[in-house]
Amino acid sequence: GNAFKGRVQVDLLDATGRLIRTVNRRSDTVTITGNDLPSGLYFLRAVS
């Protein structure tokens, strides 16, 4: 959304809360790749 200005850190975590990877962006979208991950539930955490 528009409130996310400037740099945003996006963390990908597995179902146990373990950090898988971190991506930083300055646009209004970011792509997260998961083709190297086992199938299942994951969590995304966006921090302005």
All heavy atoms as atom14 arrays in JSON, in Angstrom:
{
  "sequence": "GNAFKGRVQVDLLDATGRLIRTVNRRSDTVTITGNDLPSGLYFLRAVS",
  "atom14_mask": [
    [1, 1, 1, 1, 0, 0, 0, 0, 0, 0, 0, 0, 0, 0],
    [1, 1, 1, 1, 1, 1, 1, 1, 0, 0, 0, 0, 0, 0],
    [1, 1, 1, 1, 1, 0, 0, 0, 0, 0, 0, 0, 0, 0],
    [1, 1, 1, 1, 1, 1, 1, 1, 1, 1, 1, 0, 0, 0],
    [1, 1, 1, 1, 1, 1, 1, 1, 1, 0, 0, 0, 0, 0],
    [1, 1, 1, 1, 0, 0, 0, 0, 0, 0, 0, 0, 0, 0],
    [1, 1, 1, 1, 1, 1, 1, 1, 1, 1, 1, 0, 0, 0],
    [1, 1, 1, 1, 1, 1, 1, 0, 0, 0, 0, 0, 0, 0],
    [1, 1, 1, 1, 1, 1, 1, 1, 1, 0, 0, 0, 0, 0],
    [1, 1, 1, 1, 1, 1, 1, 0, 0, 0, 0, 0, 0, 0],
    [1, 1, 1, 1, 1, 1, 1, 1, 0, 0, 0, 0, 0, 0],
    [1, 1, 1, 1, 1, 1, 1, 1, 0, 0, 0, 0, 0, 0],
    [1, 1, 1, 1, 1, 1, 1, 1, 0, 0, 0, 0, 0, 0],
    [1, 1, 1, 1, 1, 1, 1, 1, 0, 0, 0, 0, 0, 0],
    [1, 1, 1, 1, 1, 0, 0, 0, 0, 0, 0, 0, 0, 0],
    [1, 1, 1, 1, 1, 1, 1, 0, 0, 0, 0, 0, 0, 0],
    [1, 1, 1, 1, 0, 0, 0, 0, 0, 0, 0, 0, 0, 0],
    [1, 1, 1, 1, 1, 1, 1, 1, 1, 1, 1, 0, 0, 0],
    [1, 1, 1, 1, 1, 1, 1, 1, 0, 0, 0, 0, 0, 0],
    [1, 1, 1, 1, 1, 1, 1, 1, 0, 0, 0, 0, 0, 0],
    [1, 1, 1, 1, 1, 1, 1, 1, 1, 1, 1, 0, 0, 0],
    [1, 1, 1, 1, 1, 1, 1, 0, 0, 0, 0, 0, 0, 0],
    [1, 1, 1, 1, 1, 1, 1, 0, 0, 0, 0, 0, 0, 0],
    [1, 1, 1, 1, 1, 1, 1, 1, 0, 0, 0, 0, 0, 0],
    [1, 1, 1, 1, 1, 1, 1, 1, 1, 1, 1, 0, 0, 0],
    [1, 1, 1, 1, 1, 1, 1, 1, 1, 1, 1, 0, 0, 0],
    [1, 1, 1, 1, 1, 1, 0, 0, 0, 0, 0, 0, 0, 0],
    [1, 1, 1, 1, 1, 1, 1, 1, 0, 0, 0, 0, 0, 0],
    [1, 1, 1, 1, 1, 1, 1, 0, 0, 0, 0, 0, 0, 0],
    [1, 1, 1, 1, 1, 1, 1, 0, 0, 0, 0, 0, 0, 0],
    [1, 1, 1, 1, 1, 1, 1, 0, 0, 0, 0, 0, 0, 0],
    [1, 1, 1, 1, 1, 1, 1, 1, 0, 0, 0, 0, 0, 0],
    [1, 1, 1, 1, 1, 1, 1, 0, 0, 0, 0, 0, 0, 0],
    [1, 1, 1, 1, 0, 0, 0, 0, 0, 0, 0, 0, 0, 0],
    [1, 1, 1, 1, 1, 1, 1, 1, 0, 0, 0, 0, 0, 0],
    [1, 1, 1, 1, 1, 1, 1, 1, 0, 0, 0, 0, 0, 0],
    [1, 1, 1, 1, 1, 1, 1, 1, 0, 0, 0, 0, 0, 0],
    [1, 1, 1, 1, 1, 1, 1, 0, 0, 0, 0, 0, 0, 0],
    [1, 1, 1, 1, 1, 1, 0, 0, 0, 0, 0, 0, 0, 0],
    [1, 1, 1, 1, 0, 0, 0, 0, 0, 0, 0, 0, 0, 0],
    [1, 1, 1, 1, 1, 1, 1, 1, 0, 0, 0, 0, 0, 0],
    [1, 1, 1, 1, 1, 1, 1, 1, 1, 1, 1, 1, 0, 0],
    [1, 1, 1, 1, 1, 1, 1, 1, 1, 1, 1, 0, 0, 0],
    [1, 1, 1, 1, 1, 1, 1, 1, 0, 0, 0, 0, 0, 0],
    [1, 1, 1, 1, 1, 1, 1, 1, 1, 1, 1, 0, 0, 0],
    [1, 1, 1, 1, 1, 0, 0, 0, 0, 0, 0, 0, 0, 0],
    [1, 1, 1, 1, 1, 1, 1, 0, 0, 0, 0, 0, 0, 0],
    [1, 1, 1, 1, 1, 1, 0, 0, 0, 0, 0, 0, 0, 0]
  ],
  "atom14_positions": [
    [[0.82, -1.2, 0.0], [0.0, 0.0, 0.0], [0.86, 1.26, 0.0], [2.09, 1.21, 0.17], [0.0, 0.0, 0.0], [0.0, 0.0, 0.0], [0.0, 0.0, 0.0], [0.0, 0.0, 0.0], [0.0, 0.0, 0.0], [0.0, 0.0, 0.0], [0.0, 0.0, 0.0], [0.0, 0.0, 0.0], [0.0, 0.0, 0.0], [0.0, 0.0, 0.0]],
    [[0.19, 2.41, -0.17], [0.91, 3.68, -0.32], [1.68, 4.11, 0.92], [2.59, 4.94, 0.83], [-0.07, 4.78, -0.72], [-0.65, 4.58, -2.1], [0.01, 4.02, -2.96], [-1.88, 5.0, -2.31], [0.0, 0.0, 0.0], [0.0, 0.0, 0.0], [0.0, 0.0, 0.0], [0.0, 0.0, 0.0], [0.0, 0.0, 0.0], [0.0, 0.0, 0.0]],
    [[1.32, 3.56, 2.09], [2.01, 3.97, 3.32], [3.42, 3.42, 3.39], [4.24, 3.9, 4.18], [1.2, 3.53, 4.55], [0.0, 0.0, 0.0], [0.0, 0.0, 0.0], [0.0, 0.0, 0.0], [0.0, 0.0, 0.0], [0.0, 0.0, 0.0], [0.0, 0.0, 0.0], [0.0, 0.0, 0.0], [0.0, 0.0, 0.0], [0.0, 0.0, 0.0]],
    [[3.72, 2.4, 2.58], [5.07, 1.85, 2.56], [5.93, 2.7, 1.62], [5.97, 2.48, 0.41], [5.06, 0.4, 2.1], [4.6, -0.57, 3.15], [3.25, -0.87, 3.29], [5.51, -1.17, 4.0], [2.82, -1.76, 4.25], [5.09, -2.06, 4.98], [3.74, -2.35, 5.1], [0.0, 0.0, 0.0], [0.0, 0.0, 0.0], [0.0, 0.0, 0.0]],
    [[6.59, 3.69, 2.18], [7.44, 4.59, 1.4], [8.9, 4.18, 1.55], [9.31, 3.64, 2.57], [7.26, 6.04, 1.87], [5.83, 6.54, 1.83], [5.3, 6.64, 0.42], [3.92, 7.27, 0.39], [3.35, 7.35, -0.97], [0.0, 0.0, 0.0], [0.0, 0.0, 0.0], [0.0, 0.0, 0.0], [0.0, 0.0, 0.0], [0.0, 0.0, 0.0]],
    [[9.68, 4.48, 0.53], [11.11, 4.23, 0.62], [11.41, 2.74, 0.66], [10.73, 1.91, 0.06], [0.0, 0.0, 0.0], [0.0, 0.0, 0.0], [0.0, 0.0, 0.0], [0.0, 0.0, 0.0], [0.0, 0.0, 0.0], [0.0, 0.0, 0.0], [0.0, 0.0, 0.0], [0.0, 0.0, 0.0], [0.0, 0.0, 0.0], [0.0, 0.0, 0.0]],
    [[12.45, 2.37, 1.41], [12.9, 0.99, 1.45], [12.02, 0.15, 2.37], [11.66, 0.57, 3.46], [14.36, 0.92, 1.93], [15.03, -0.44, 1.68], [16.51, -0.36, 1.99], [16.73, -0.29, 3.43], [16.98, -1.36, 4.19], [17.04, -2.56, 3.64], [17.18, -1.24, 5.47], [0.0, 0.0, 0.0], [0.0, 0.0, 0.0], [0.0, 0.0, 0.0]],
    [[11.68, -1.04, 1.91], [10.9, -1.99, 2.7], [11.66, -3.31, 2.74], [12.14, -3.8, 1.72], [9.5, -2.21, 2.11], [8.73, -3.25, 2.92], [8.73, -0.91, 2.05], [0.0, 0.0, 0.0], [0.0, 0.0, 0.0], [0.0, 0.0, 0.0], [0.0, 0.0, 0.0], [0.0, 0.0, 0.0], [0.0, 0.0, 0.0], [0.0, 0.0, 0.0]],
    [[11.79, -3.87, 3.94], [12.43, -5.17, 4.09], [11.34, -6.24, 4.17], [10.4, -6.12, 4.95], [13.28, -5.21, 5.36], [13.9, -6.58, 5.66], [14.79, -6.57, 6.87], [15.7, -5.76, 6.97], [14.52, -7.47, 7.81], [0.0, 0.0, 0.0], [0.0, 0.0, 0.0], [0.0, 0.0, 0.0], [0.0, 0.0, 0.0], [0.0, 0.0, 0.0]],
    [[11.47, -7.28, 3.36], [10.52, -8.38, 3.36], [11.24, -9.66, 3.77], [12.2, -10.07, 3.1], [9.86, -8.57, 1.97], [8.84, -9.71, 2.03], [9.19, -7.28, 1.52], [0.0, 0.0, 0.0], [0.0, 0.0, 0.0], [0.0, 0.0, 0.0], [0.0, 0.0, 0.0], [0.0, 0.0, 0.0], [0.0, 0.0, 0.0], [0.0, 0.0, 0.0]],
    [[10.8, -10.26, 4.86], [11.39, -11.51, 5.36], [10.47, -12.67, 5.01], [9.24, -12.58, 5.17], [11.57, -11.46, 6.88], [12.52, -10.36, 7.31], [13.48, -10.08, 6.58], [12.3, -9.79, 8.4], [0.0, 0.0, 0.0], [0.0, 0.0, 0.0], [0.0, 0.0, 0.0], [0.0, 0.0, 0.0], [0.0, 0.0, 0.0], [0.0, 0.0, 0.0]],
    [[11.04, -13.76, 4.54], [10.31, -15.0, 4.31], [10.68, -15.98, 5.41], [11.86, -16.26, 5.62], [10.65, -15.59, 2.94], [10.0, -16.93, 2.6], [8.49, -16.78, 2.45], [10.6, -17.52, 1.32], [0.0, 0.0, 0.0], [0.0, 0.0, 0.0], [0.0, 0.0, 0.0], [0.0, 0.0, 0.0], [0.0, 0.0, 0.0], [0.0, 0.0, 0.0]],
    [[9.67, -16.48, 6.14], [9.9, -17.4, 7.24], [9.14, -18.69, 6.99], [8.07, -18.69, 6.35], [9.44, -16.8, 8.57], [10.02, -15.43, 8.95], [9.09, -14.31, 8.54], [10.27, -15.36, 10.46], [0.0, 0.0, 0.0], [0.0, 0.0, 0.0], [0.0, 0.0, 0.0], [0.0, 0.0, 0.0], [0.0, 0.0, 0.0], [0.0, 0.0, 0.0]],
    [[9.66, -19.81, 7.51], [8.93, -21.06, 7.38], [7.91, -21.17, 8.51], [7.76, -20.25, 9.33], [9.87, -22.26, 7.34], [10.64, -22.49, 8.64], [10.28, -21.9, 9.68], [11.62, -23.27, 8.61], [0.0, 0.0, 0.0], [0.0, 0.0, 0.0], [0.0, 0.0, 0.0], [0.0, 0.0, 0.0], [0.0, 0.0, 0.0], [0.0, 0.0, 0.0]],
    [[7.19, -22.29, 8.58], [6.09, -22.43, 9.53], [6.57, -22.46, 10.98], [5.76, -22.25, 11.91], [5.29, -23.69, 9.23], [0.0, 0.0, 0.0], [0.0, 0.0, 0.0], [0.0, 0.0, 0.0], [0.0, 0.0, 0.0], [0.0, 0.0, 0.0], [0.0, 0.0, 0.0], [0.0, 0.0, 0.0], [0.0, 0.0, 0.0], [0.0, 0.0, 0.0]],
    [[7.87, -22.69, 11.21], [8.4, -22.69, 12.57], [8.93, -21.32, 12.98], [9.38, -21.15, 14.11], [9.54, -23.72, 12.7], [10.68, -23.29, 11.93], [9.09, -25.09, 12.23], [0.0, 0.0, 0.0], [0.0, 0.0, 0.0], [0.0, 0.0, 0.0], [0.0, 0.0, 0.0], [0.0, 0.0, 0.0], [0.0, 0.0, 0.0], [0.0, 0.0, 0.0]],
    [[8.92, -20.36, 12.05], [9.44, -19.03, 12.35], [10.88, -18.83, 11.97], [11.46, -17.77, 12.22], [0.0, 0.0, 0.0], [0.0, 0.0, 0.0], [0.0, 0.0, 0.0], [0.0, 0.0, 0.0], [0.0, 0.0, 0.0], [0.0, 0.0, 0.0], [0.0, 0.0, 0.0], [0.0, 0.0, 0.0], [0.0, 0.0, 0.0], [0.0, 0.0, 0.0]],
    [[11.48, -19.83, 11.31], [12.89, -19.72, 10.9], [12.99, -18.83, 9.67], [12.26, -19.01, 8.69], [13.47, -21.1, 10.61], [14.92, -21.12, 10.19], [15.44, -22.53, 10.09], [14.71, -23.29, 9.07], [15.09, -23.4, 7.8], [16.2, -22.79, 7.39], [14.39, -24.12, 6.96], [0.0, 0.0, 0.0], [0.0, 0.0, 0.0], [0.0, 0.0, 0.0]],
    [[13.92, -17.87, 9.7], [14.13, -16.96, 8.59], [14.75, -17.7, 7.41], [15.81, -18.32, 7.54], [15.02, -15.8, 9.01], [15.32, -14.74, 7.93], [14.03, -14.02, 7.53], [16.35, -13.73, 8.45], [0.0, 0.0, 0.0], [0.0, 0.0, 0.0], [0.0, 0.0, 0.0], [0.0, 0.0, 0.0], [0.0, 0.0, 0.0], [0.0, 0.0, 0.0]],
    [[14.08, -17.64, 6.24], [14.57, -18.3, 5.03], [15.4, -17.33, 4.19], [16.5, -17.65, 3.76], [13.4, -18.85, 4.2], [12.55, -19.81, 5.04], [13.91, -19.54, 2.94], [13.29, -21.02, 5.52], [0.0, 0.0, 0.0], [0.0, 0.0, 0.0], [0.0, 0.0, 0.0], [0.0, 0.0, 0.0], [0.0, 0.0, 0.0], [0.0, 0.0, 0.0]],
    [[14.84, -16.15, 3.92], [15.56, -15.15, 3.14], [14.95, -13.78, 3.39], [13.82, -13.65, 3.88], [15.55, -15.49, 1.65], [14.17, -15.55, 1.0], [14.33, -15.8, -0.51], [15.07, -17.02, -0.78], [14.5, -18.19, -1.07], [13.18, -18.27, -1.14], [15.22, -19.25, -1.31], [0.0, 0.0, 0.0], [0.0, 0.0, 0.0], [0.0, 0.0, 0.0]],
    [[15.72, -12.75, 3.02], [15.3, -11.36, 3.16], [15.49, -10.65, 1.83], [16.52, -10.84, 1.17], [16.11, -10.65, 4.26], [15.82, -11.25, 5.52], [15.75, -9.17, 4.33], [0.0, 0.0, 0.0], [0.0, 0.0, 0.0], [0.0, 0.0, 0.0], [0.0, 0.0, 0.0], [0.0, 0.0, 0.0], [0.0, 0.0, 0.0], [0.0, 0.0, 0.0]],
    [[14.48, -9.86, 1.45], [14.54, -9.08, 0.22], [14.24, -7.64, 0.54], [13.34, -7.35, 1.35], [13.52, -9.6, -0.82], [13.56, -8.76, -2.09], [13.78, -11.07, -1.14], [0.0, 0.0, 0.0], [0.0, 0.0, 0.0], [0.0, 0.0, 0.0], [0.0, 0.0, 0.0], [0.0, 0.0, 0.0], [0.0, 0.0, 0.0], [0.0, 0.0, 0.0]],
    [[14.98, -6.71, -0.05], [14.72, -5.29, 0.13], [14.23, -4.69, -1.19], [14.67, -5.1, -2.26], [15.98, -4.56, 0.59], [16.42, -4.98, 1.97], [15.7, -4.76, 2.93], [17.58, -5.6, 2.08], [0.0, 0.0, 0.0], [0.0, 0.0, 0.0], [0.0, 0.0, 0.0], [0.0, 0.0, 0.0], [0.0, 0.0, 0.0], [0.0, 0.0, 0.0]],
    [[13.3, -3.73, -1.09], [12.78, -3.12, -2.32], [12.51, -1.63, -2.11], [12.37, -1.15, -0.99], [11.52, -3.85, -2.78], [10.33, -3.6, -1.86], [9.46, -2.47, -2.34], [8.87, -1.76, -1.21], [8.04, -0.74, -1.33], [7.74, -0.27, -2.52], [7.53, -0.15, -0.28], [0.0, 0.0, 0.0], [0.0, 0.0, 0.0], [0.0, 0.0, 0.0]],
    [[12.39, -0.92, -3.26], [12.0, 0.49, -3.25], [10.85, 0.75, -4.22], [10.52, 1.89, -4.48], [13.19, 1.39, -3.59], [14.24, 1.43, -2.5], [15.35, 2.41, -2.84], [16.34, 2.48, -1.78], [16.26, 3.26, -0.71], [15.21, 4.06, -0.57], [17.21, 3.28, 0.2], [0.0, 0.0, 0.0], [0.0, 0.0, 0.0], [0.0, 0.0, 0.0]],
    [[10.24, -0.29, -4.78], [9.08, -0.15, -5.65], [7.84, -0.6, -4.89], [7.91, -0.92, -3.7], [9.27, -0.99, -6.92], [9.35, -2.36, -6.59], [0.0, 0.0, 0.0], [0.0, 0.0, 0.0], [0.0, 0.0, 0.0], [0.0, 0.0, 0.0], [0.0, 0.0, 0.0], [0.0, 0.0, 0.0], [0.0, 0.0, 0.0], [0.0, 0.0, 0.0]],
    [[6.67, -0.62, -5.58], [5.44, -0.99, -4.88], [5.17, -2.49, -4.92], [4.16, -2.96, -4.41], [4.23, -0.25, -5.46], [4.02, -0.53, -6.94], [4.85, -1.25, -7.53], [3.04, -0.02, -7.5], [0.0, 0.0, 0.0], [0.0, 0.0, 0.0], [0.0, 0.0, 0.0], [0.0, 0.0, 0.0], [0.0, 0.0, 0.0], [0.0, 0.0, 0.0]],
    [[6.09, -3.27, -5.51], [5.97, -4.73, -5.5], [7.34, -5.35, -5.32], [8.37, -4.72, -5.59], [5.35, -5.27, -6.8], [6.21, -4.96, -7.9], [3.95, -4.71, -7.03], [0.0, 0.0, 0.0], [0.0, 0.0, 0.0], [0.0, 0.0, 0.0], [0.0, 0.0, 0.0], [0.0, 0.0, 0.0], [0.0, 0.0, 0.0], [0.0, 0.0, 0.0]],
    [[7.34, -6.6, -4.89], [8.58, -7.37, -4.82], [8.22, -8.82, -5.09], [7.15, -9.29, -4.71], [9.27, -7.22, -3.45], [8.44, -7.82, -2.33], [10.65, -7.85, -3.47], [0.0, 0.0, 0.0], [0.0, 0.0, 0.0], [0.0, 0.0, 0.0], [0.0, 0.0, 0.0], [0.0, 0.0, 0.0], [0.0, 0.0, 0.0], [0.0, 0.0, 0.0]],
    [[9.1, -9.53, -5.81], [8.88, -10.93, -6.12], [9.69, -11.81, -5.17], [10.88, -11.57, -4.97], [9.28, -11.24, -7.58], [8.46, -10.46, -8.45], [9.09, -12.72, -7.89], [0.0, 0.0, 0.0], [0.0, 0.0, 0.0], [0.0, 0.0, 0.0], [0.0, 0.0, 0.0], [0.0, 0.0, 0.0], [0.0, 0.0, 0.0], [0.0, 0.0, 0.0]],
    [[9.02, -12.81, -4.6], [9.66, -13.75, -3.69], [9.69, -15.11, -4.38], [8.65, -15.64, -4.78], [8.89, -13.87, -2.36], [8.72, -12.49, -1.72], [9.6, -14.84, -1.42], [10.0, -11.84, -1.27], [0.0, 0.0, 0.0], [0.0, 0.0, 0.0], [0.0, 0.0, 0.0], [0.0, 0.0, 0.0], [0.0, 0.0, 0.0], [0.0, 0.0, 0.0]],
    [[10.88, -15.67, -4.54], [11.0, -16.98, -5.18], [10.92, -18.09, -4.13], [11.45, -17.96, -3.02], [12.32, -17.1, -5.94], [13.42, -16.89, -5.04], [12.39, -16.07, -7.06], [0.0, 0.0, 0.0], [0.0, 0.0, 0.0], [0.0, 0.0, 0.0], [0.0, 0.0, 0.0], [0.0, 0.0, 0.0], [0.0, 0.0, 0.0], [0.0, 0.0, 0.0]],
    [[10.25, -19.18, -4.53], [10.13, -20.31, -3.61], [10.32, -21.64, -4.3], [9.96, -22.69, -3.75], [0.0, 0.0, 0.0], [0.0, 0.0, 0.0], [0.0, 0.0, 0.0], [0.0, 0.0, 0.0], [0.0, 0.0, 0.0], [0.0, 0.0, 0.0], [0.0, 0.0, 0.0], [0.0, 0.0, 0.0], [0.0, 0.0, 0.0], [0.0, 0.0, 0.0]],
    [[10.89, -21.62, -5.54], [11.02, -22.88, -6.27], [12.07, -23.81, -5.69], [12.17, -24.96, -6.1], [11.31, -22.61, -7.76], [12.44, -21.63, -7.97], [13.17, -21.3, -7.04], [12.58, -21.14, -9.18], [0.0, 0.0, 0.0], [0.0, 0.0, 0.0], [0.0, 0.0, 0.0], [0.0, 0.0, 0.0], [0.0, 0.0, 0.0], [0.0, 0.0, 0.0]],
    [[12.85, -23.34, -4.73], [13.83, -24.19, -4.07], [13.35, -24.66, -2.7], [14.11, -25.31, -1.96], [15.15, -23.43, -3.9], [15.0, -22.16, -3.07], [13.89, -21.59, -3.06], [15.99, -21.73, -2.44], [0.0, 0.0, 0.0], [0.0, 0.0, 0.0], [0.0, 0.0, 0.0], [0.0, 0.0, 0.0], [0.0, 0.0, 0.0], [0.0, 0.0, 0.0]],
    [[12.09, -24.37, -2.38], [11.57, -24.67, -1.05], [10.64, -25.88, -1.08], [9.96, -26.11, -2.08], [10.81, -23.45, -0.49], [11.61, -22.17, -0.34], [10.68, -21.03, 0.09], [12.74, -22.34, 0.66], [0.0, 0.0, 0.0], [0.0, 0.0, 0.0], [0.0, 0.0, 0.0], [0.0, 0.0, 0.0], [0.0, 0.0, 0.0], [0.0, 0.0, 0.0]],
    [[10.56, -26.63, 0.02], [9.55, -27.69, 0.11], [8.15, -27.09, 0.08], [7.93, -25.95, 0.52], [9.84, -28.35, 1.48], [11.22, -27.91, 1.84], [11.42, -26.57, 1.21], [0.0, 0.0, 0.0], [0.0, 0.0, 0.0], [0.0, 0.0, 0.0], [0.0, 0.0, 0.0], [0.0, 0.0, 0.0], [0.0, 0.0, 0.0], [0.0, 0.0, 0.0]],
    [[7.18, -27.85, -0.42], [5.79, -27.38, -0.41], [5.33, -27.17, 1.03], [5.71, -27.91, 1.94], [4.89, -28.41, -1.09], [5.24, -28.57, -2.44], [0.0, 0.0, 0.0], [0.0, 0.0, 0.0], [0.0, 0.0, 0.0], [0.0, 0.0, 0.0], [0.0, 0.0, 0.0], [0.0, 0.0, 0.0], [0.0, 0.0, 0.0], [0.0, 0.0, 0.0]],
    [[4.51, -26.14, 1.22], [3.99, -25.9, 2.56], [3.65, -24.45, 2.81], [3.64, -23.61, 1.91], [0.0, 0.0, 0.0], [0.0, 0.0, 0.0], [0.0, 0.0, 0.0], [0.0, 0.0, 0.0], [0.0, 0.0, 0.0], [0.0, 0.0, 0.0], [0.0, 0.0, 0.0], [0.0, 0.0, 0.0], [0.0, 0.0, 0.0], [0.0, 0.0, 0.0]],
    [[3.35, -24.17, 4.06], [2.93, -22.85, 4.52], [4.15, -22.03, 4.94], [5.01, -22.51, 5.68], [1.97, -22.99, 5.7], [1.47, -21.7, 6.36], [0.57, -20.93, 5.4], [0.73, -22.03, 7.65], [0.0, 0.0, 0.0], [0.0, 0.0, 0.0], [0.0, 0.0, 0.0], [0.0, 0.0, 0.0], [0.0, 0.0, 0.0], [0.0, 0.0, 0.0]],
    [[4.21, -20.77, 4.47], [5.28, -19.84, 4.83], [4.66, -18.5, 5.22], [3.47, -18.25, 4.97], [6.26, -19.66, 3.66], [7.04, -20.92, 3.34], [6.49, -21.9, 2.52], [8.31, -21.12, 3.85], [7.19, -23.07, 2.23], [9.02, -22.28, 3.56], [8.45, -23.25, 2.76], [9.15, -24.4, 2.49], [0.0, 0.0, 0.0], [0.0, 0.0, 0.0]],
    [[5.49, -17.64, 5.8], [5.03, -16.34, 6.24], [5.91, -15.25, 5.66], [7.13, -15.42, 5.53], [5.05, -16.26, 7.78], [4.1, -17.2, 8.44], [4.48, -18.49, 8.73], [2.82, -16.79, 8.76], [3.6, -19.38, 9.33], [1.93, -17.66, 9.36], [2.32, -18.95, 9.64], [0.0, 0.0, 0.0], [0.0, 0.0, 0.0], [0.0, 0.0, 0.0]],
    [[5.28, -14.14, 5.29], [5.98, -12.96, 4.8], [5.81, -11.84, 5.8], [4.68, -11.58, 6.27], [5.42, -12.54, 3.44], [5.69, -13.51, 2.28], [4.82, -13.15, 1.09], [7.16, -13.51, 1.9], [0.0, 0.0, 0.0], [0.0, 0.0, 0.0], [0.0, 0.0, 0.0], [0.0, 0.0, 0.0], [0.0, 0.0, 0.0], [0.0, 0.0, 0.0]],
    [[6.88, -11.18, 6.14], [6.85, -10.06, 7.09], [7.45, -8.84, 6.4], [8.62, -8.85, 6.02], [7.63, -10.4, 8.35], [7.67, -9.29, 9.4], [8.35, -9.79, 10.66], [9.7, -10.27, 10.38], [10.35, -11.16, 11.13], [9.77, -11.69, 12.17], [11.59, -11.54, 10.81], [0.0, 0.0, 0.0], [0.0, 0.0, 0.0], [0.0, 0.0, 0.0]],
    [[6.63, -7.79, 6.22], [7.08, -6.56, 5.57], [7.3, -5.5, 6.64], [6.41, -5.22, 7.45], [6.06, -6.09, 4.55], [0.0, 0.0, 0.0], [0.0, 0.0, 0.0], [0.0, 0.0, 0.0], [0.0, 0.0, 0.0], [0.0, 0.0, 0.0], [0.0, 0.0, 0.0], [0.0, 0.0, 0.0], [0.0, 0.0, 0.0], [0.0, 0.0, 0.0]],
    [[8.48, -4.89, 6.63], [8.84, -3.87, 7.61], [9.27, -2.61, 6.88], [10.23, -2.63, 6.1], [9.98, -4.35, 8.53], [10.3, -3.29, 9.58], [9.62, -5.67, 9.19], [0.0, 0.0, 0.0], [0.0, 0.0, 0.0], [0.0, 0.0, 0.0], [0.0, 0.0, 0.0], [0.0, 0.0, 0.0], [0.0, 0.0, 0.0], [0.0, 0.0, 0.0]],
    [[8.55, -1.5, 7.12], [8.92, -0.23, 6.51], [10.16, 0.32, 7.2], [10.26, 0.34, 8.43], [7.76, 0.77, 6.64], [8.13, 2.02, 6.12], [0.0, 0.0, 0.0], [0.0, 0.0, 0.0], [0.0, 0.0, 0.0], [0.0, 0.0, 0.0], [0.0, 0.0, 0.0], [0.0, 0.0, 0.0], [0.0, 0.0, 0.0], [0.0, 0.0, 0.0]]
  ]
}
